[in-house]
PDB file of N, CA and C in Angstrom:
ATOM      1  N   UNK A   1    -128.953   8.607 236.938  1.00  0.00           N
ATOM      2  CA  UNK A   1    -129.274   7.334 237.543  1.00  0.00           C
ATOM      3  C   UNK A   1    -130.683   6.933 237.157  1.00  0.00           C
ATOM      4  N   UNK A   2    -131.604   7.881 237.080  1.00  0.00           N
ATOM      5  CA  UNK A   2    -132.984   7.552 236.777  1.00  0.00           C
ATOM      6  C   UNK A   2    -133.110   6.951 235.388  1.00  0.00           C
ATOM      7  N   UNK A   3    -132.330   7.436 234.429  1.00  0.00           N
ATOM      8  CA  UNK A   3    -132.409   6.913 233.067  1.00  0.00           C
ATOM      9  C   UNK A   3    -132.024   5.440 233.023  1.00  0.00           C
ATOM     10  N   UNK A   4    -131.081   5.021 233.843  1.00  0.00           N
ATOM     11  CA  UNK A   4    -130.644   3.631 233.841  1.00  0.00           C
ATOM     12  C   UNK A   4    -131.578   2.753 234.675  1.00  0.00           C
ATOM     13  N   UNK A   5    -132.213   3.339 235.667  1.00  0.00           N
ATOM     14  CA  UNK A   5    -133.071   2.561 236.564  1.00  0.00           C
ATOM     15  C   UNK A   5    -134.258   1.995 235.793  1.00  0.00           C
ATOM     16  N   UNK A   6    -134.478   0.717 235.934  1.00  0.00           N
ATOM     17  CA  UNK A   6    -135.594   0.065 235.274  1.00  0.00           C
ATOM     18  C   UNK A   6    -135.280  -0.420 233.872  1.00  0.00           C
ATOM     19  N   UNK A   7    -134.123  -0.084 233.336  1.00  0.00           N
ATOM     20  CA  UNK A   7    -133.768  -0.510 231.983  1.00  0.00           C
ATOM     21  C   UNK A   7    -132.830  -1.708 231.992  1.00  0.00           C
ATOM     22  N   UNK A   8    -132.345  -2.078 233.186  1.00  0.00           N
ATOM     23  CA  UNK A   8    -131.366  -3.149 233.273  1.00  0.00           C
ATOM     24  C   UNK A   8    -129.948  -2.641 233.164  1.00  0.00           C
ATOM     25  N   UNK A   9    -129.787  -1.373 232.788  1.00  0.00           N
ATOM     26  CA  UNK A   9    -128.449  -0.782 232.695  1.00  0.00           C
ATOM     27  C   UNK A   9    -127.969  -0.403 234.091  1.00  0.00           C
ATOM     28  N   UNK A  10    -126.675  -0.321 234.253  1.00  0.00           N
ATOM     29  CA  UNK A  10    -126.108   0.095 235.537  1.00  0.00           C
ATOM     30  C   UNK A  10    -125.438   1.452 235.374  1.00  0.00           C
ATOM     31  N   UNK A  11    -125.332   2.150 236.484  1.00  0.00           N
ATOM     32  CA  UNK A  11    -124.670   3.442 236.488  1.00  0.00           C
ATOM     33  C   UNK A  11    -123.216   3.219 236.860  1.00  0.00           C
ATOM     34  N   UNK A  12    -122.312   3.710 236.034  1.00  0.00           N
ATOM     35  CA  UNK A  12    -120.892   3.579 236.328  1.00  0.00           C
ATOM     36  C   UNK A  12    -120.545   4.446 237.536  1.00  0.00           C
ATOM     37  N   UNK A  13    -119.495   4.091 238.269  1.00  0.00           N
ATOM     38  CA  UNK A  13    -119.120   4.890 239.445  1.00  0.00           C
ATOM     39  C   UNK A  13    -118.873   6.355 239.080  1.00  0.00           C
ATOM     40  N   UNK A  14    -119.346   7.241 239.946  1.00  0.00           N
ATOM     41  CA  UNK A  14    -119.033   8.658 239.763  1.00  0.00           C
ATOM     42  C   UNK A  14    -118.931   9.351 241.107  1.00  0.00           C
ATOM     43  N   UNK A  15    -118.293  10.500 241.097  1.00  0.00           N
ATOM     44  CA  UNK A  15    -117.962  11.258 242.296  1.00  0.00           C
ATOM     45  C   UNK A  15    -118.854  12.492 242.376  1.00  0.00           C
ATOM     46  N   UNK A  16    -119.377  12.767 243.573  1.00  0.00           N
ATOM     47  CA  UNK A  16    -120.131  13.991 243.827  1.00  0.00           C
ATOM     48  C   UNK A  16    -119.407  14.744 244.929  1.00  0.00           C
ATOM     49  N   UNK A  17    -119.094  16.007 244.671  1.00  0.00           N
ATOM     50  CA  UNK A  17    -118.456  16.870 245.665  1.00  0.00           C
ATOM     51  C   UNK A  17    -119.432  18.006 245.957  1.00  0.00           C
ATOM     52  N   UNK A  18    -119.811  18.140 247.232  1.00  0.00           N
ATOM     53  CA  UNK A  18    -120.738  19.193 247.645  1.00  0.00           C
ATOM     54  C   UNK A  18    -119.921  20.305 248.284  1.00  0.00           C
ATOM     55  N   UNK A  19    -119.886  21.431 247.595  1.00  0.00           N
ATOM     56  CA  UNK A  19    -119.098  22.579 248.033  1.00  0.00           C
ATOM     57  C   UNK A  19    -119.890  23.838 247.666  1.00  0.00           C
ATOM     58  N   UNK A  20    -120.932  24.156 248.456  1.00  0.00           N
ATOM     59  CA  UNK A  20    -121.885  25.182 248.059  1.00  0.00           C
ATOM     60  C   UNK A  20    -121.302  26.570 247.818  1.00  0.00           C
ATOM     61  N   UNK A  21    -120.317  26.970 248.579  1.00  0.00           N
ATOM     62  CA  UNK A  21    -119.767  28.314 248.400  1.00  0.00           C
ATOM     63  C   UNK A  21    -118.491  28.330 247.565  1.00  0.00           C
ATOM     64  N   UNK A  22    -118.079  27.165 247.075  1.00  0.00           N
ATOM     65  CA  UNK A  22    -116.863  27.076 246.273  1.00  0.00           C
ATOM     66  C   UNK A  22    -115.591  27.029 247.091  1.00  0.00           C
ATOM     67  N   UNK A  23    -115.716  27.096 248.418  1.00  0.00           N
ATOM     68  CA  UNK A  23    -114.540  27.084 249.295  1.00  0.00           C
ATOM     69  C   UNK A  23    -114.617  26.024 250.376  1.00  0.00           C
ATOM     70  N   UNK A  24    -115.786  25.810 250.922  1.00  0.00           N
ATOM     71  CA  UNK A  24    -115.959  24.895 252.047  1.00  0.00           C
ATOM     72  C   UNK A  24    -116.532  23.568 251.566  1.00  0.00           C
ATOM     73  N   UNK A  25    -115.821  22.494 251.843  1.00  0.00           N
ATOM     74  CA  UNK A  25    -116.267  21.159 251.452  1.00  0.00           C
ATOM     75  C   UNK A  25    -117.304  20.660 252.452  1.00  0.00           C
ATOM     76  N   UNK A  26    -118.514  20.411 251.978  1.00  0.00           N
ATOM     77  CA  UNK A  26    -119.568  19.895 252.848  1.00  0.00           C
ATOM     78  C   UNK A  26    -119.610  18.368 252.857  1.00  0.00           C
ATOM     79  N   UNK A  27    -119.451  17.767 251.674  1.00  0.00           N
ATOM     80  CA  UNK A  27    -119.558  16.310 251.605  1.00  0.00           C
ATOM     81  C   UNK A  27    -118.954  15.807 250.303  1.00  0.00           C
ATOM     82  N   UNK A  28    -118.528  14.544 250.349  1.00  0.00           N
ATOM     83  CA  UNK A  28    -118.013  13.851 249.166  1.00  0.00           C
ATOM     84  C   UNK A  28    -118.722  12.496 249.109  1.00  0.00           C
ATOM     85  N   UNK A  29    -119.254  12.183 247.944  1.00  0.00           N
ATOM     86  CA  UNK A  29    -119.954  10.913 247.763  1.00  0.00           C
ATOM     87  C   UNK A  29    -119.406  10.203 246.529  1.00  0.00           C
ATOM     88  N   UNK A  30    -119.433   8.879 246.579  1.00  0.00           N
ATOM     89  CA  UNK A  30    -119.206   8.062 245.391  1.00  0.00           C
ATOM     90  C   UNK A  30    -120.498   7.285 245.177  1.00  0.00           C
ATOM     91  N   UNK A  31    -121.014   7.360 243.958  1.00  0.00           N
ATOM     92  CA  UNK A  31    -122.248   6.670 243.605  1.00  0.00           C
ATOM     93  C   UNK A  31    -121.898   5.527 242.672  1.00  0.00           C
ATOM     94  N   UNK A  32    -122.366   4.339 243.034  1.00  0.00           N
ATOM     95  CA  UNK A  32    -122.178   3.155 242.202  1.00  0.00           C
ATOM     96  C   UNK A  32    -123.544   2.496 242.074  1.00  0.00           C
ATOM     97  N   UNK A  33    -124.129   2.623 240.903  1.00  0.00           N
ATOM     98  CA  UNK A  33    -125.464   2.126 240.620  1.00  0.00           C
ATOM     99  C   UNK A  33    -126.442   2.735 241.623  1.00  0.00           C
ATOM    100  N   UNK A  34    -127.072   1.947 242.487  1.00  0.00           N
ATOM    101  CA  UNK A  34    -128.039   2.483 243.448  1.00  0.00           C
ATOM    102  C   UNK A  34    -127.425   2.742 244.821  1.00  0.00           C
ATOM    103  N   UNK A  35    -126.130   2.557 244.966  1.00  0.00           N
ATOM    104  CA  UNK A  35    -125.470   2.720 246.259  1.00  0.00           C
ATOM    105  C   UNK A  35    -124.728   4.054 246.315  1.00  0.00           C
ATOM    106  N   UNK A  36    -124.865   4.747 247.435  1.00  0.00           N
ATOM    107  CA  UNK A  36    -124.198   6.023 247.644  1.00  0.00           C
ATOM    108  C   UNK A  36    -123.323   5.896 248.885  1.00  0.00           C
ATOM    109  N   UNK A  37    -122.042   6.184 248.718  1.00  0.00           N
ATOM    110  CA  UNK A  37    -121.078   6.076 249.822  1.00  0.00           C
ATOM    111  C   UNK A  37    -120.564   7.472 250.165  1.00  0.00           C
ATOM    112  N   UNK A  38    -120.650   7.831 251.433  1.00  0.00           N
ATOM    113  CA  UNK A  38    -120.112   9.122 251.872  1.00  0.00           C
ATOM    114  C   UNK A  38    -118.667   8.909 252.311  1.00  0.00           C
ATOM    115  N   UNK A  39    -117.785   9.799 251.845  1.00  0.00           N
ATOM    116  CA  UNK A  39    -116.366   9.681 252.150  1.00  0.00           C
ATOM    117  C   UNK A  39    -115.877  10.968 252.805  1.00  0.00           C
ATOM    118  N   UNK A  40    -114.680  10.916 253.374  1.00  0.00           N
ATOM    119  CA  UNK A  40    -114.212  12.030 254.187  1.00  0.00           C
ATOM    120  C   UNK A  40    -113.445  13.105 253.417  1.00  0.00           C
ATOM    121  N   UNK A  41    -112.981  12.812 252.196  1.00  0.00           N
ATOM    122  CA  UNK A  41    -112.215  13.816 251.449  1.00  0.00           C
ATOM    123  C   UNK A  41    -112.365  13.568 249.951  1.00  0.00           C
ATOM    124  N   UNK A  42    -111.986  14.586 249.183  1.00  0.00           N
ATOM    125  CA  UNK A  42    -112.029  14.448 247.728  1.00  0.00           C
ATOM    126  C   UNK A  42    -111.044  13.378 247.267  1.00  0.00           C
ATOM    127  N   UNK A  43    -109.862  13.344 247.859  1.00  0.00           N
ATOM    128  CA  UNK A  43    -108.867  12.327 247.467  1.00  0.00           C
ATOM    129  C   UNK A  43    -109.356  10.918 247.766  1.00  0.00           C
ATOM    130  N   UNK A  44    -109.990  10.742 248.920  1.00  0.00           N
ATOM    131  CA  UNK A  44    -110.532   9.417 249.249  1.00  0.00           C
ATOM    132  C   UNK A  44    -111.654   9.059 248.272  1.00  0.00           C
ATOM    133  N   UNK A  45    -112.491  10.028 247.944  1.00  0.00           N
ATOM    134  CA  UNK A  45    -113.562   9.788 246.981  1.00  0.00           C
ATOM    135  C   UNK A  45    -113.020   9.418 245.616  1.00  0.00           C
ATOM    136  N   UNK A  46    -112.010  10.145 245.163  1.00  0.00           N
ATOM    137  CA  UNK A  46    -111.375   9.853 243.884  1.00  0.00           C
ATOM    138  C   UNK A  46    -110.771   8.450 243.884  1.00  0.00           C
ATOM    139  N   UNK A  47    -110.107   8.099 244.980  1.00  0.00           N
ATOM    140  CA  UNK A  47    -109.486   6.786 245.111  1.00  0.00           C
ATOM    141  C   UNK A  47    -110.531   5.671 245.065  1.00  0.00           C
ATOM    142  N   UNK A  48    -111.602   5.818 245.821  1.00  0.00           N
ATOM    143  CA  UNK A  48    -112.662   4.797 245.858  1.00  0.00           C
ATOM    144  C   UNK A  48    -113.339   4.696 244.496  1.00  0.00           C
ATOM    145  N   UNK A  49    -113.621   5.831 243.880  1.00  0.00           N
ATOM    146  CA  UNK A  49    -114.271   5.824 242.574  1.00  0.00           C
ATOM    147  C   UNK A  49    -113.389   5.137 241.534  1.00  0.00           C
ATOM    148  N   UNK A  50    -112.102   5.502 241.502  1.00  0.00           N
ATOM    149  CA  UNK A  50    -111.178   4.902 240.541  1.00  0.00           C
ATOM    150  C   UNK A  50    -111.068   3.392 240.751  1.00  0.00           C
ATOM    151  N   UNK A  51    -110.853   2.986 241.996  1.00  0.00           N
ATOM    152  CA  UNK A  51    -110.694   1.559 242.280  1.00  0.00           C
ATOM    153  C   UNK A  51    -111.971   0.770 242.014  1.00  0.00           C
ATOM    154  N   UNK A  52    -113.113   1.438 242.086  1.00  0.00           N
ATOM    155  CA  UNK A  52    -114.390   0.777 241.790  1.00  0.00           C
ATOM    156  C   UNK A  52    -114.463   0.350 240.328  1.00  0.00           C
ATOM    157  N   UNK A  53    -113.920   1.168 239.436  1.00  0.00           N
ATOM    158  CA  UNK A  53    -113.910   0.782 238.023  1.00  0.00           C
ATOM    159  C   UNK A  53    -113.190  -0.551 237.837  1.00  0.00           C
ATOM    160  N   UNK A  54    -112.059  -0.715 238.509  1.00  0.00           N
ATOM    161  CA  UNK A  54    -111.288  -1.950 238.372  1.00  0.00           C
ATOM    162  C   UNK A  54    -111.956  -3.117 239.094  1.00  0.00           C
ATOM    163  N   UNK A  55    -112.439  -2.879 240.304  1.00  0.00           N
ATOM    164  CA  UNK A  55    -113.061  -3.952 241.087  1.00  0.00           C
ATOM    165  C   UNK A  55    -114.321  -4.481 240.407  1.00  0.00           C
ATOM    166  N   UNK A  56    -115.054  -3.604 239.744  1.00  0.00           N
ATOM    167  CA  UNK A  56    -116.307  -3.990 239.097  1.00  0.00           C
ATOM    168  C   UNK A  56    -116.134  -4.294 237.609  1.00  0.00           C
ATOM    169  N   UNK A  57    -114.885  -4.236 237.130  1.00  0.00           N
ATOM    170  CA  UNK A  57    -114.583  -4.468 235.717  1.00  0.00           C
ATOM    171  C   UNK A  57    -115.452  -3.575 234.826  1.00  0.00           C
ATOM    172  N   UNK A  58    -115.563  -2.310 235.226  1.00  0.00           N
ATOM    173  CA  UNK A  58    -116.375  -1.332 234.498  1.00  0.00           C
ATOM    174  C   UNK A  58    -115.505  -0.544 233.532  1.00  0.00           C
ATOM    175  N   UNK A  59    -116.146  -0.006 232.521  1.00  0.00           N
ATOM    176  CA  UNK A  59    -115.451   0.875 231.594  1.00  0.00           C
ATOM    177  C   UNK A  59    -115.649   2.312 232.047  1.00  0.00           C
ATOM    178  N   UNK A  60    -114.668   3.151 231.733  1.00  0.00           N
ATOM    179  CA  UNK A  60    -114.817   4.571 232.028  1.00  0.00           C
ATOM    180  C   UNK A  60    -115.911   5.135 231.137  1.00  0.00           C
ATOM    181  N   UNK A  61    -116.720   6.062 231.665  1.00  0.00           N
ATOM    182  CA  UNK A  61    -117.716   6.698 230.804  1.00  0.00           C
ATOM    183  C   UNK A  61    -117.006   7.444 229.667  1.00  0.00           C
ATOM    184  N   UNK A  62    -117.550   7.380 228.490  1.00  0.00           N
ATOM    185  CA  UNK A  62    -116.905   7.972 227.317  1.00  0.00           C
ATOM    186  C   UNK A  62    -116.663   9.466 227.513  1.00  0.00           C
ATOM    187  N   UNK A  63    -117.562  10.144 228.238  1.00  0.00           N
ATOM    188  CA  UNK A  63    -117.425  11.584 228.447  1.00  0.00           C
ATOM    189  C   UNK A  63    -116.222  11.923 229.323  1.00  0.00           C
ATOM    190  N   UNK A  64    -115.800  10.981 230.168  1.00  0.00           N
ATOM    191  CA  UNK A  64    -114.699  11.239 231.098  1.00  0.00           C
ATOM    192  C   UNK A  64    -113.534  10.278 230.894  1.00  0.00           C
ATOM    193  N   UNK A  65    -113.534   9.569 229.789  1.00  0.00           N
ATOM    194  CA  UNK A  65    -112.522   8.542 229.552  1.00  0.00           C
ATOM    195  C   UNK A  65    -111.100   9.097 229.601  1.00  0.00           C
ATOM    196  N   UNK A  66    -110.877  10.228 228.973  1.00  0.00           N
ATOM    197  CA  UNK A  66    -109.521  10.786 228.939  1.00  0.00           C
ATOM    198  C   UNK A  66    -109.006  11.134 230.332  1.00  0.00           C
ATOM    199  N   UNK A  67    -109.838  11.754 231.149  1.00  0.00           N
ATOM    200  CA  UNK A  67    -109.376  12.138 232.481  1.00  0.00           C
ATOM    201  C   UNK A  67    -109.142  10.913 233.358  1.00  0.00           C
ATOM    202  N   UNK A  68    -110.005   9.890 233.254  1.00  0.00           N
ATOM    203  CA  UNK A  68    -109.786   8.677 234.040  1.00  0.00           C
ATOM    204  C   UNK A  68    -108.536   7.941 233.569  1.00  0.00           C
ATOM    205  N   UNK A  69    -108.277   7.928 232.264  1.00  0.00           N
ATOM    206  CA  UNK A  69    -107.048   7.298 231.762  1.00  0.00           C
ATOM    207  C   UNK A  69    -105.817   8.054 232.239  1.00  0.00           C
ATOM    208  N   UNK A  70    -105.914   9.383 232.274  1.00  0.00           N
ATOM    209  CA  UNK A  70    -104.801  10.183 232.780  1.00  0.00           C
ATOM    210  C   UNK A  70    -104.549   9.866 234.260  1.00  0.00           C
ATOM    211  N   UNK A  71    -105.592   9.804 235.054  1.00  0.00           N
ATOM    212  CA  UNK A  71    -105.471   9.441 236.474  1.00  0.00           C
ATOM    213  C   UNK A  71    -104.864   8.050 236.609  1.00  0.00           C
ATOM    214  N   UNK A  72    -105.354   7.114 235.791  1.00  0.00           N
ATOM    215  CA  UNK A  72    -104.852   5.734 235.833  1.00  0.00           C
ATOM    216  C   UNK A  72    -103.358   5.682 235.546  1.00  0.00           C
ATOM    217  N   UNK A  73    -102.931   6.367 234.510  1.00  0.00           N
ATOM    218  CA  UNK A  73    -101.536   6.279 234.081  1.00  0.00           C
ATOM    219  C   UNK A  73    -100.586   7.108 234.935  1.00  0.00           C
ATOM    220  N   UNK A  74    -101.005   8.312 235.332  1.00  0.00           N
ATOM    221  CA  UNK A  74    -100.101   9.208 236.048  1.00  0.00           C
ATOM    222  C   UNK A  74    -100.125   8.951 237.555  1.00  0.00           C
ATOM    223  N   UNK A  75    -101.304   8.910 238.146  1.00  0.00           N
ATOM    224  CA  UNK A  75    -101.377   8.760 239.601  1.00  0.00           C
ATOM    225  C   UNK A  75    -101.184   7.320 240.071  1.00  0.00           C
ATOM    226  N   UNK A  76    -101.779   6.369 239.346  1.00  0.00           N
ATOM    227  CA  UNK A  76    -101.718   4.976 239.780  1.00  0.00           C
ATOM    228  C   UNK A  76    -100.666   4.157 239.034  1.00  0.00           C
ATOM    229  N   UNK A  77    -100.117   4.720 237.970  1.00  0.00           N
ATOM    230  CA  UNK A  77     -99.099   4.060 237.159  1.00  0.00           C
ATOM    231  C   UNK A  77     -99.547   2.673 236.683  1.00  0.00           C
ATOM    232  N   UNK A  78    -100.791   2.617 236.219  1.00  0.00           N
ATOM    233  CA  UNK A  78    -101.361   1.376 235.693  1.00  0.00           C
ATOM    234  C   UNK A  78    -101.464   1.508 234.182  1.00  0.00           C
ATOM    235  N   UNK A  79    -100.873   0.583 233.489  1.00  0.00           N
ATOM    236  CA  UNK A  79    -100.917   0.566 232.038  1.00  0.00           C
ATOM    237  C   UNK A  79    -102.021  -0.379 231.581  1.00  0.00           C
ATOM    238  N   UNK A  80    -102.606  -0.078 230.451  1.00  0.00           N
ATOM    239  CA  UNK A  80    -103.612  -0.966 229.865  1.00  0.00           C
ATOM    240  C   UNK A  80    -103.697  -0.666 228.380  1.00  0.00           C
ATOM    241  N   UNK A  81    -104.160  -1.639 227.610  1.00  0.00           N
ATOM    242  CA  UNK A  81    -104.367  -1.356 226.192  1.00  0.00           C
ATOM    243  C   UNK A  81    -105.571  -0.413 226.072  1.00  0.00           C
ATOM    244  N   UNK A  82    -105.318   0.801 225.662  1.00  0.00           N
ATOM    245  CA  UNK A  82    -106.370   1.807 225.630  1.00  0.00           C
ATOM    246  C   UNK A  82    -106.826   2.046 224.204  1.00  0.00           C
ATOM    247  N   UNK A  83    -108.121   2.330 224.048  1.00  0.00           N
ATOM    248  CA  UNK A  83    -108.630   2.582 222.698  1.00  0.00           C
ATOM    249  C   UNK A  83    -108.000   3.826 222.077  1.00  0.00           C
ATOM    250  N   UNK A  84    -108.539   4.959 222.239  1.00  0.00           N
ATOM    251  CA  UNK A  84    -108.056   6.169 221.571  1.00  0.00           C
ATOM    252  C   UNK A  84    -107.502   7.119 222.625  1.00  0.00           C
ATOM    253  N   UNK A  85    -106.204   7.046 222.915  1.00  0.00           N
ATOM    254  CA  UNK A  85    -105.637   7.845 223.999  1.00  0.00           C
ATOM    255  C   UNK A  85    -104.603   8.846 223.518  1.00  0.00           C
ATOM    256  N   UNK A  86    -104.716   9.262 222.280  1.00  0.00           N
ATOM    257  CA  UNK A  86    -103.748  10.214 221.751  1.00  0.00           C
ATOM    258  C   UNK A  86    -103.722  11.493 222.588  1.00  0.00           C
ATOM    259  N   UNK A  87    -104.885  11.975 223.012  1.00  0.00           N
ATOM    260  CA  UNK A  87    -104.930  13.200 223.810  1.00  0.00           C
ATOM    261  C   UNK A  87    -104.277  12.984 225.174  1.00  0.00           C
ATOM    262  N   UNK A  88    -104.456  11.815 225.770  1.00  0.00           N
ATOM    263  CA  UNK A  88    -103.837  11.512 227.066  1.00  0.00           C
ATOM    264  C   UNK A  88    -102.325  11.422 226.904  1.00  0.00           C
ATOM    265  N   UNK A  89    -101.869  10.721 225.889  1.00  0.00           N
ATOM    266  CA  UNK A  89    -100.432  10.595 225.655  1.00  0.00           C
ATOM    267  C   UNK A  89     -99.797  11.951 225.371  1.00  0.00           C
ATOM    268  N   UNK A  90    -100.483  12.775 224.590  1.00  0.00           N
ATOM    269  CA  UNK A  90     -99.980  14.110 224.287  1.00  0.00           C
ATOM    270  C   UNK A  90     -99.899  14.963 225.544  1.00  0.00           C
ATOM    271  N   UNK A  91    -100.918  14.907 226.380  1.00  0.00           N
ATOM    272  CA  UNK A  91    -100.933  15.672 227.618  1.00  0.00           C
ATOM    273  C   UNK A  91     -99.836  15.206 228.560  1.00  0.00           C
ATOM    274  N   UNK A  92     -99.638  13.890 228.657  1.00  0.00           N
ATOM    275  CA  UNK A  92     -98.587  13.346 229.510  1.00  0.00           C
ATOM    276  C   UNK A  92     -97.222  13.814 229.027  1.00  0.00           C
ATOM    277  N   UNK A  93     -97.052  13.866 227.713  1.00  0.00           N
ATOM    278  CA  UNK A  93     -95.770  14.315 227.151  1.00  0.00           C
ATOM    279  C   UNK A  93     -95.535  15.784 227.499  1.00  0.00           C
ATOM    280  N   UNK A  94     -96.580  16.605 227.400  1.00  0.00           N
ATOM    281  CA  UNK A  94     -96.459  18.022 227.733  1.00  0.00           C
ATOM    282  C   UNK A  94     -96.098  18.216 229.210  1.00  0.00           C
ATOM    283  N   UNK A  95     -96.621  17.350 230.060  1.00  0.00           N
ATOM    284  CA  UNK A  95     -96.327  17.431 231.491  1.00  0.00           C
ATOM    285  C   UNK A  95     -95.027  16.704 231.842  1.00  0.00           C
ATOM    286  N   UNK A  96     -94.385  16.133 230.835  1.00  0.00           N
ATOM    287  CA  UNK A  96     -93.137  15.408 230.976  1.00  0.00           C
ATOM    288  C   UNK A  96     -93.271  14.139 231.822  1.00  0.00           C
ATOM    289  N   UNK A  97     -94.457  13.496 231.743  1.00  0.00           N
ATOM    290  CA  UNK A  97     -94.632  12.181 232.323  1.00  0.00           C
ATOM    291  C   UNK A  97     -94.316  11.172 231.249  1.00  0.00           C
ATOM    292  N   UNK A  98     -93.713  10.088 231.636  1.00  0.00           N
ATOM    293  CA  UNK A  98     -93.497   9.023 230.662  1.00  0.00           C
ATOM    294  C   UNK A  98     -94.546   7.971 230.873  1.00  0.00           C
ATOM    295  N   UNK A  99     -95.005   7.392 229.802  1.00  0.00           N
ATOM    296  CA  UNK A  99     -96.032   6.376 229.910  1.00  0.00           C
ATOM    297  C   UNK A  99     -95.423   5.074 230.417  1.00  0.00           C
ATOM    298  N   UNK A 100     -96.177   4.395 231.252  1.00  0.00           N
ATOM    299  CA  UNK A 100     -95.763   3.109 231.785  1.00  0.00           C
ATOM    300  C   UNK A 100     -95.747   2.107 230.637  1.00  0.00           C
ATOM    301  N   UNK A 101     -94.710   1.306 230.559  1.00  0.00           N
ATOM    302  CA  UNK A 101     -94.600   0.305 229.493  1.00  0.00           C
ATOM    303  C   UNK A 101     -95.719  -0.705 229.619  1.00  0.00           C
ATOM    304  N   UNK A 102     -96.328  -1.059 228.484  1.00  0.00           N
ATOM    305  CA  UNK A 102     -97.417  -2.038 228.468  1.00  0.00           C
ATOM    306  C   UNK A 102     -96.881  -3.424 228.284  1.00  0.00           C
TER     307      UNK A 102
END
């Protein structure tokens, strides 16, 4: 966030899960630019983070593009013209998911 602050760039939505011992969930946050939202569960955080991309007309970060596209297509069944999704399509085929018609 600090790298984007002051440059005019915005921070794309992301999820923070606080689980210090690896077993007990302490907190879930969704960060959107300078705003931090505390949520009650990982699923709620994932849902808010995902829907934020669409509500804000944001692009998925390139580092996480494949996983967000997989979530979009498998969990939300939303189709879109995607740039390079060969790995997502291949993974969906291995899991025996069919892609939603575009």
